[in-house]
């Protein structure tokens, strides 16, 4: 009983640390494979994918700005 009460929290703590390191390693491996796949594409394919990503991020940022402006308008009307 004393053994489990004393060591159980410490074991859980170390398990969480090792799981974090494992996840980081998996992310690095994934990123490396993504870069390899990216470099295997032709220049035109890379430009097309890049353009799509830029357009998507621009659309999201515009939507965010619009929602922020709408919130400010609602706040001003309440006053």
PDB file of N, CA and C in Angstrom:
ATOM      1  N   UNK A   1       0.816  -1.186   0.000  1.00  0.00           N
ATOM      2  CA  UNK A   1       0.000   0.000   0.000  1.00  0.00           C
ATOM      3  C   UNK A   1       0.864   1.256   0.000  1.00  0.00           C
ATOM      4  N   UNK A   2       1.837   1.302   0.862  1.00  0.00           N
ATOM      5  CA  UNK A   2       2.732   2.452   0.923  1.00  0.00           C
ATOM      6  C   UNK A   2       3.510   2.566  -0.381  1.00  0.00           C
ATOM      7  N   UNK A   3       3.906   1.446  -0.914  1.00  0.00           N
ATOM      8  CA  UNK A   3       4.660   1.426  -2.167  1.00  0.00           C
ATOM      9  C   UNK A   3       3.859   2.077  -3.290  1.00  0.00           C
ATOM     10  N   UNK A   4       2.611   1.688  -3.432  1.00  0.00           N
ATOM     11  CA  UNK A   4       1.785   2.231  -4.516  1.00  0.00           C
ATOM     12  C   UNK A   4       1.464   3.701  -4.287  1.00  0.00           C
ATOM     13  N   UNK A   5       1.240   4.096  -3.060  1.00  0.00           N
ATOM     14  CA  UNK A   5       0.925   5.496  -2.777  1.00  0.00           C
ATOM     15  C   UNK A   5       2.116   6.409  -3.031  1.00  0.00           C
ATOM     16  N   UNK A   6       3.294   5.898  -2.803  1.00  0.00           N
ATOM     17  CA  UNK A   6       4.492   6.710  -2.951  1.00  0.00           C
ATOM     18  C   UNK A   6       4.973   6.767  -4.396  1.00  0.00           C
ATOM     19  N   UNK A   7       4.998   5.633  -5.088  1.00  0.00           N
ATOM     20  CA  UNK A   7       5.587   5.568  -6.420  1.00  0.00           C
ATOM     21  C   UNK A   7       4.597   5.781  -7.564  1.00  0.00           C
ATOM     22  N   UNK A   8       3.347   5.582  -7.343  1.00  0.00           N
ATOM     23  CA  UNK A   8       2.365   5.691  -8.409  1.00  0.00           C
ATOM     24  C   UNK A   8       2.351   7.082  -9.064  1.00  0.00           C
ATOM     25  N   UNK A   9       2.305   8.161  -8.287  1.00  0.00           N
ATOM     26  CA  UNK A   9       2.315   9.485  -8.945  1.00  0.00           C
ATOM     27  C   UNK A   9       3.613   9.746  -9.716  1.00  0.00           C
ATOM     28  N   UNK A  10       4.715   9.261  -9.212  1.00  0.00           N
ATOM     29  CA  UNK A  10       5.990   9.488  -9.889  1.00  0.00           C
ATOM     30  C   UNK A  10       6.060   8.712 -11.189  1.00  0.00           C
ATOM     31  N   UNK A  11       5.530   7.501 -11.182  1.00  0.00           N
ATOM     32  CA  UNK A  11       5.512   6.696 -12.406  1.00  0.00           C
ATOM     33  C   UNK A  11       4.639   7.369 -13.451  1.00  0.00           C
ATOM     34  N   UNK A  12       3.485   7.879 -13.045  1.00  0.00           N
ATOM     35  CA  UNK A  12       2.593   8.567 -13.970  1.00  0.00           C
ATOM     36  C   UNK A  12       3.266   9.806 -14.560  1.00  0.00           C
ATOM     37  N   UNK A  13       4.009  10.517 -13.732  1.00  0.00           N
ATOM     38  CA  UNK A  13       4.708  11.715 -14.188  1.00  0.00           C
ATOM     39  C   UNK A  13       5.728  11.359 -15.264  1.00  0.00           C
ATOM     40  N   UNK A  14       6.542  10.348 -15.023  1.00  0.00           N
ATOM     41  CA  UNK A  14       7.559   9.958 -15.996  1.00  0.00           C
ATOM     42  C   UNK A  14       6.949   9.390 -17.266  1.00  0.00           C
ATOM     43  N   UNK A  15       5.844   8.681 -17.143  1.00  0.00           N
ATOM     44  CA  UNK A  15       5.165   8.176 -18.336  1.00  0.00           C
ATOM     45  C   UNK A  15       4.714   9.330 -19.224  1.00  0.00           C
ATOM     46  N   UNK A  16       4.184  10.379 -18.608  1.00  0.00           N
ATOM     47  CA  UNK A  16       3.708  11.516 -19.395  1.00  0.00           C
ATOM     48  C   UNK A  16       4.863  12.213 -20.109  1.00  0.00           C
ATOM     49  N   UNK A  17       6.010  12.292 -19.459  1.00  0.00           N
ATOM     50  CA  UNK A  17       7.180  12.908 -20.094  1.00  0.00           C
ATOM     51  C   UNK A  17       7.622  12.100 -21.308  1.00  0.00           C
ATOM     52  N   UNK A  18       7.698  10.793 -21.156  1.00  0.00           N
ATOM     53  CA  UNK A  18       8.147   9.958 -22.262  1.00  0.00           C
ATOM     54  C   UNK A  18       7.134   9.945 -23.406  1.00  0.00           C
ATOM     55  N   UNK A  19       5.855  10.044 -23.096  1.00  0.00           N
ATOM     56  CA  UNK A  19       4.854  10.098 -24.147  1.00  0.00           C
ATOM     57  C   UNK A  19       4.976  11.390 -24.941  1.00  0.00           C
ATOM     58  N   UNK A  20       5.285  12.488 -24.275  1.00  0.00           N
ATOM     59  CA  UNK A  20       5.474  13.765 -24.972  1.00  0.00           C
ATOM     60  C   UNK A  20       6.649  13.677 -25.932  1.00  0.00           C
ATOM     61  N   UNK A  21       7.743  13.087 -25.462  1.00  0.00           N
ATOM     62  CA  UNK A  21       8.917  12.966 -26.326  1.00  0.00           C
ATOM     63  C   UNK A  21       8.610  12.088 -27.522  1.00  0.00           C
ATOM     64  N   UNK A  22       7.831  11.041 -27.319  1.00  0.00           N
ATOM     65  CA  UNK A  22       7.465  10.140 -28.411  1.00  0.00           C
ATOM     66  C   UNK A  22       6.634  10.882 -29.451  1.00  0.00           C
ATOM     67  N   UNK A  23       5.697  11.714 -28.991  1.00  0.00           N
ATOM     68  CA  UNK A  23       4.863  12.479 -29.917  1.00  0.00           C
ATOM     69  C   UNK A  23       5.703  13.468 -30.722  1.00  0.00           C
ATOM     70  N   UNK A  24       6.662  14.127 -30.067  1.00  0.00           N
ATOM     71  CA  UNK A  24       7.518  15.080 -30.770  1.00  0.00           C
ATOM     72  C   UNK A  24       8.344  14.374 -31.836  1.00  0.00           C
ATOM     73  N   UNK A  25       8.846  13.193 -31.525  1.00  0.00           N
ATOM     74  CA  UNK A  25       9.633  12.431 -32.481  1.00  0.00           C
ATOM     75  C   UNK A  25       8.776  12.028 -33.674  1.00  0.00           C
ATOM     76  N   UNK A  26       7.542  11.611 -33.411  1.00  0.00           N
ATOM     77  CA  UNK A  26       6.642  11.242 -34.499  1.00  0.00           C
ATOM     78  C   UNK A  26       6.335  12.437 -35.386  1.00  0.00           C
ATOM     79  N   UNK A  27       6.177  13.616 -34.797  1.00  0.00           N
ATOM     80  CA  UNK A  27       5.913  14.828 -35.577  1.00  0.00           C
ATOM     81  C   UNK A  27       7.104  15.169 -36.458  1.00  0.00           C
ATOM     82  N   UNK A  28       8.314  15.016 -35.942  1.00  0.00           N
ATOM     83  CA  UNK A  28       9.511  15.303 -36.737  1.00  0.00           C
ATOM     84  C   UNK A  28       9.603  14.364 -37.924  1.00  0.00           C
ATOM     85  N   UNK A  29       9.319  13.090 -37.709  1.00  0.00           N
ATOM     86  CA  UNK A  29       9.369  12.117 -38.799  1.00  0.00           C
ATOM     87  C   UNK A  29       8.316  12.456 -39.841  1.00  0.00           C
ATOM     88  N   UNK A  30       7.122  12.836 -39.402  1.00  0.00           N
ATOM     89  CA  UNK A  30       6.050  13.198 -40.328  1.00  0.00           C
ATOM     90  C   UNK A  30       6.441  14.422 -41.139  1.00  0.00           C
ATOM     91  N   UNK A  31       6.999  15.435 -40.487  1.00  0.00           N
ATOM     92  CA  UNK A  31       7.407  16.654 -41.183  1.00  0.00           C
ATOM     93  C   UNK A  31       8.487  16.357 -42.214  1.00  0.00           C
ATOM     94  N   UNK A  32       9.406  15.476 -41.881  1.00  0.00           N
ATOM     95  CA  UNK A  32      10.472  15.133 -42.809  1.00  0.00           C
ATOM     96  C   UNK A  32       9.905  14.437 -44.037  1.00  0.00           C
ATOM     97  N   UNK A  33       8.950  13.538 -43.836  1.00  0.00           N
ATOM     98  CA  UNK A  33       8.356  12.855 -44.986  1.00  0.00           C
ATOM     99  C   UNK A  33       7.538  13.831 -45.823  1.00  0.00           C
ATOM    100  N   UNK A  34       6.890  14.806 -45.171  1.00  0.00           N
ATOM    101  CA  UNK A  34       6.137  15.819 -45.905  1.00  0.00           C
ATOM    102  C   UNK A  34       7.068  16.642 -46.790  1.00  0.00           C
ATOM    103  N   UNK A  35       8.223  16.984 -46.286  1.00  0.00           N
ATOM    104  CA  UNK A  35       9.185  17.753 -47.070  1.00  0.00           C
ATOM    105  C   UNK A  35       9.665  16.934 -48.268  1.00  0.00           C
ATOM    106  N   UNK A  36       9.914  15.665 -48.038  1.00  0.00           N
ATOM    107  CA  UNK A  36      10.342  14.809 -49.143  1.00  0.00           C
ATOM    108  C   UNK A  36       9.261  14.715 -50.212  1.00  0.00           C
ATOM    109  N   UNK A  37       8.020  14.540 -49.795  1.00  0.00           N
ATOM    110  CA  UNK A  37       6.922  14.486 -50.762  1.00  0.00           C
ATOM    111  C   UNK A  37       6.787  15.813 -51.506  1.00  0.00           C
ATOM    112  N   UNK A  38       6.966  16.908 -50.793  1.00  0.00           N
ATOM    113  CA  UNK A  38       6.876  18.238 -51.405  1.00  0.00           C
ATOM    114  C   UNK A  38       7.942  18.415 -52.482  1.00  0.00           C
ATOM    115  N   UNK A  39       9.150  17.976 -52.200  1.00  0.00           N
ATOM    116  CA  UNK A  39      10.236  18.156 -53.151  1.00  0.00           C
ATOM    117  C   UNK A  39      10.112  17.231 -54.363  1.00  0.00           C
ATOM    118  N   UNK A  40       9.355  16.170 -54.231  1.00  0.00           N
ATOM    119  CA  UNK A  40       9.148  15.267 -55.367  1.00  0.00           C
ATOM    120  C   UNK A  40       8.135  15.827 -56.363  1.00  0.00           C
ATOM    121  N   UNK A  41       7.366  16.816 -55.957  1.00  0.00           N
ATOM    122  CA  UNK A  41       6.386  17.421 -56.853  1.00  0.00           C
ATOM    123  C   UNK A  41       7.090  18.304 -57.879  1.00  0.00           C
ATOM    124  N   UNK A  42       6.413  18.506 -58.992  1.00  0.00           N
ATOM    125  CA  UNK A  42       6.970  19.415 -59.995  1.00  0.00           C
ATOM    126  C   UNK A  42       6.768  20.847 -59.527  1.00  0.00           C
ATOM    127  N   UNK A  43       7.450  21.772 -60.180  1.00  0.00           N
ATOM    128  CA  UNK A  43       7.351  23.182 -59.795  1.00  0.00           C
ATOM    129  C   UNK A  43       5.921  23.683 -59.946  1.00  0.00           C
ATOM    130  N   UNK A  44       5.244  23.300 -61.015  1.00  0.00           N
ATOM    131  CA  UNK A  44       3.878  23.736 -61.243  1.00  0.00           C
ATOM    132  C   UNK A  44       2.935  23.204 -60.162  1.00  0.00           C
ATOM    133  N   UNK A  45       3.135  21.949 -59.761  1.00  0.00           N
ATOM    134  CA  UNK A  45       2.299  21.363 -58.713  1.00  0.00           C
ATOM    135  C   UNK A  45       2.518  22.074 -57.377  1.00  0.00           C
ATOM    136  N   UNK A  46       3.764  22.388 -57.075  1.00  0.00           N
ATOM    137  CA  UNK A  46       4.072  23.102 -55.832  1.00  0.00           C
ATOM    138  C   UNK A  46       3.441  24.483 -55.831  1.00  0.00           C
ATOM    139  N   UNK A  47       3.538  25.186 -56.960  1.00  0.00           N
ATOM    140  CA  UNK A  47       2.948  26.525 -57.057  1.00  0.00           C
ATOM    141  C   UNK A  47       1.433  26.468 -56.901  1.00  0.00           C
ATOM    142  N   UNK A  48       0.818  25.455 -57.506  1.00  0.00           N
ATOM    143  CA  UNK A  48      -0.637  25.308 -57.419  1.00  0.00           C
ATOM    144  C   UNK A  48      -1.077  25.035 -55.979  1.00  0.00           C
ATOM    145  N   UNK A  49      -0.390  24.143 -55.306  1.00  0.00           N
ATOM    146  CA  UNK A  49      -0.723  23.822 -53.914  1.00  0.00           C
ATOM    147  C   UNK A  49      -0.494  25.044 -53.035  1.00  0.00           C
ATOM    148  N   UNK A  50       0.612  25.745 -53.254  1.00  0.00           N
ATOM    149  CA  UNK A  50       0.922  26.937 -52.473  1.00  0.00           C
ATOM    150  C   UNK A  50      -0.142  28.009 -52.671  1.00  0.00           C
ATOM    151  N   UNK A  51      -0.591  28.202 -53.892  1.00  0.00           N
ATOM    152  CA  UNK A  51      -1.628  29.189 -54.186  1.00  0.00           C
ATOM    153  C   UNK A  51      -2.930  28.829 -53.479  1.00  0.00           C
ATOM    154  N   UNK A  52      -3.298  27.543 -53.493  1.00  0.00           N
ATOM    155  CA  UNK A  52      -4.518  27.108 -52.806  1.00  0.00           C
ATOM    156  C   UNK A  52      -4.425  27.365 -51.305  1.00  0.00           C
ATOM    157  N   UNK A  53      -3.268  27.079 -50.719  1.00  0.00           N
ATOM    158  CA  UNK A  53      -3.090  27.300 -49.285  1.00  0.00           C
ATOM    159  C   UNK A  53      -3.139  28.790 -48.943  1.00  0.00           C
ATOM    160  N   UNK A  54      -2.540  29.622 -49.782  1.00  0.00           N
ATOM    161  CA  UNK A  54      -2.581  31.066 -49.541  1.00  0.00           C
ATOM    162  C   UNK A  54      -4.005  31.594 -49.621  1.00  0.00           C
ATOM    163  N   UNK A  55      -4.755  31.139 -50.623  1.00  0.00           N
ATOM    164  CA  UNK A  55      -6.138  31.580 -50.771  1.00  0.00           C
ATOM    165  C   UNK A  55      -6.985  31.140 -49.582  1.00  0.00           C
ATOM    166  N   UNK A  56      -6.765  29.927 -49.116  1.00  0.00           N
ATOM    167  CA  UNK A  56      -7.512  29.417 -47.967  1.00  0.00           C
ATOM    168  C   UNK A  56      -7.201  30.214 -46.707  1.00  0.00           C
ATOM    169  N   UNK A  57      -5.930  30.499 -46.476  1.00  0.00           N
ATOM    170  CA  UNK A  57      -5.572  31.272 -45.280  1.00  0.00           C
ATOM    171  C   UNK A  57      -6.098  32.699 -45.381  1.00  0.00           C
ATOM    172  N   UNK A  58      -6.106  33.283 -46.570  1.00  0.00           N
ATOM    173  CA  UNK A  58      -6.639  34.632 -46.762  1.00  0.00           C
ATOM    174  C   UNK A  58      -8.142  34.644 -46.502  1.00  0.00           C
ATOM    175  N   UNK A  59      -8.836  33.624 -46.960  1.00  0.00           N
ATOM    176  CA  UNK A  59     -10.275  33.533 -46.735  1.00  0.00           C
ATOM    177  C   UNK A  59     -10.582  33.416 -45.240  1.00  0.00           C
ATOM    178  N   UNK A  60      -9.795  32.613 -44.524  1.00  0.00           N
ATOM    179  CA  UNK A  60     -10.001  32.459 -43.084  1.00  0.00           C
ATOM    180  C   UNK A  60      -9.718  33.755 -42.336  1.00  0.00           C
ATOM    181  N   UNK A  61      -8.666  34.454 -42.724  1.00  0.00           N
ATOM    182  CA  UNK A  61      -8.340  35.702 -42.027  1.00  0.00           C
ATOM    183  C   UNK A  61      -9.399  36.772 -42.299  1.00  0.00           C
ATOM    184  N   UNK A  62      -9.929  36.806 -43.516  1.00  0.00           N
ATOM    185  CA  UNK A  62     -10.993  37.765 -43.814  1.00  0.00           C
ATOM    186  C   UNK A  62     -12.248  37.459 -43.005  1.00  0.00           C
ATOM    187  N   UNK A  63     -12.568  36.171 -42.873  1.00  0.00           N
ATOM    188  CA  UNK A  63     -13.734  35.782 -42.083  1.00  0.00           C
ATOM    189  C   UNK A  63     -13.540  36.155 -40.614  1.00  0.00           C
ATOM    190  N   UNK A  64     -12.332  35.971 -40.115  1.00  0.00           N
ATOM    191  CA  UNK A  64     -12.043  36.340 -38.731  1.00  0.00           C
ATOM    192  C   UNK A  64     -12.172  37.846 -38.523  1.00  0.00           C
ATOM    193  N   UNK A  65     -11.621  38.626 -39.424  1.00  0.00           N
ATOM    194  CA  UNK A  65     -11.733  40.082 -39.318  1.00  0.00           C
ATOM    195  C   UNK A  65     -13.190  40.534 -39.377  1.00  0.00           C
ATOM    196  N   UNK A  66     -13.977  39.915 -40.244  1.00  0.00           N
ATOM    197  CA  UNK A  66     -15.396  40.266 -40.350  1.00  0.00           C
ATOM    198  C   UNK A  66     -16.117  39.967 -39.047  1.00  0.00           C
ATOM    199  N   UNK A  67     -15.825  38.820 -38.430  1.00  0.00           N
ATOM    200  CA  UNK A  67     -16.492  38.481 -37.173  1.00  0.00           C
ATOM    201  C   UNK A  67     -16.065  39.444 -36.055  1.00  0.00           C
ATOM    202  N   UNK A  68     -14.806  39.852 -36.047  1.00  0.00           N
ATOM    203  CA  UNK A  68     -14.342  40.823 -35.053  1.00  0.00           C
ATOM    204  C   UNK A  68     -15.045  42.154 -35.240  1.00  0.00           C
ATOM    205  N   UNK A  69     -15.162  42.603 -36.473  1.00  0.00           N
ATOM    206  CA  UNK A  69     -15.860  43.873 -36.744  1.00  0.00           C
ATOM    207  C   UNK A  69     -17.318  43.793 -36.303  1.00  0.00           C
ATOM    208  N   UNK A  70     -17.968  42.655 -36.591  1.00  0.00           N
ATOM    209  CA  UNK A  70     -19.361  42.486 -36.179  1.00  0.00           C
ATOM    210  C   UNK A  70     -19.499  42.537 -34.659  1.00  0.00           C
ATOM    211  N   UNK A  71     -18.561  41.945 -33.951  1.00  0.00           N
ATOM    212  CA  UNK A  71     -18.592  41.981 -32.488  1.00  0.00           C
ATOM    213  C   UNK A  71     -18.447  43.411 -31.976  1.00  0.00           C
ATOM    214  N   UNK A  72     -17.549  44.190 -32.571  1.00  0.00           N
ATOM    215  CA  UNK A  72     -17.403  45.583 -32.160  1.00  0.00           C
ATOM    216  C   UNK A  72     -18.678  46.389 -32.424  1.00  0.00           C
ATOM    217  N   UNK A  73     -19.317  46.118 -33.530  1.00  0.00           N
ATOM    218  CA  UNK A  73     -20.569  46.825 -33.829  1.00  0.00           C
ATOM    219  C   UNK A  73     -21.624  46.483 -32.789  1.00  0.00           C
ATOM    220  N   UNK A  74     -21.706  45.210 -32.397  1.00  0.00           N
ATOM    221  CA  UNK A  74     -22.684  44.795 -31.372  1.00  0.00           C
ATOM    222  C   UNK A  74     -22.388  45.470 -30.044  1.00  0.00           C
ATOM    223  N   UNK A  75     -21.116  45.576 -29.692  1.00  0.00           N
ATOM    224  CA  UNK A  75     -20.735  46.211 -28.428  1.00  0.00           C
ATOM    225  C   UNK A  75     -21.094  47.690 -28.437  1.00  0.00           C
ATOM    226  N   UNK A  76     -20.850  48.368 -29.563  1.00  0.00           N
ATOM    227  CA  UNK A  76     -21.163  49.799 -29.655  1.00  0.00           C
ATOM    228  C   UNK A  76     -22.672  50.040 -29.557  1.00  0.00           C
ATOM    229  N   UNK A  77     -23.454  49.134 -30.164  1.00  0.00           N
ATOM    230  CA  UNK A  77     -24.905  49.303 -30.124  1.00  0.00           C
ATOM    231  C   UNK A  77     -25.456  49.124 -28.719  1.00  0.00           C
ATOM    232  N   UNK A  78     -24.820  48.274 -27.915  1.00  0.00           N
ATOM    233  CA  UNK A  78     -25.285  48.052 -26.546  1.00  0.00           C
ATOM    234  C   UNK A  78     -25.074  49.282 -25.675  1.00  0.00           C
ATOM    235  N   UNK A  79     -24.072  50.073 -25.949  1.00  0.00           N
ATOM    236  CA  UNK A  79     -23.782  51.261 -25.159  1.00  0.00           C
ATOM    237  C   UNK A  79     -24.751  52.310 -25.495  1.00  0.00           C
TER     238      UNK A  79
END
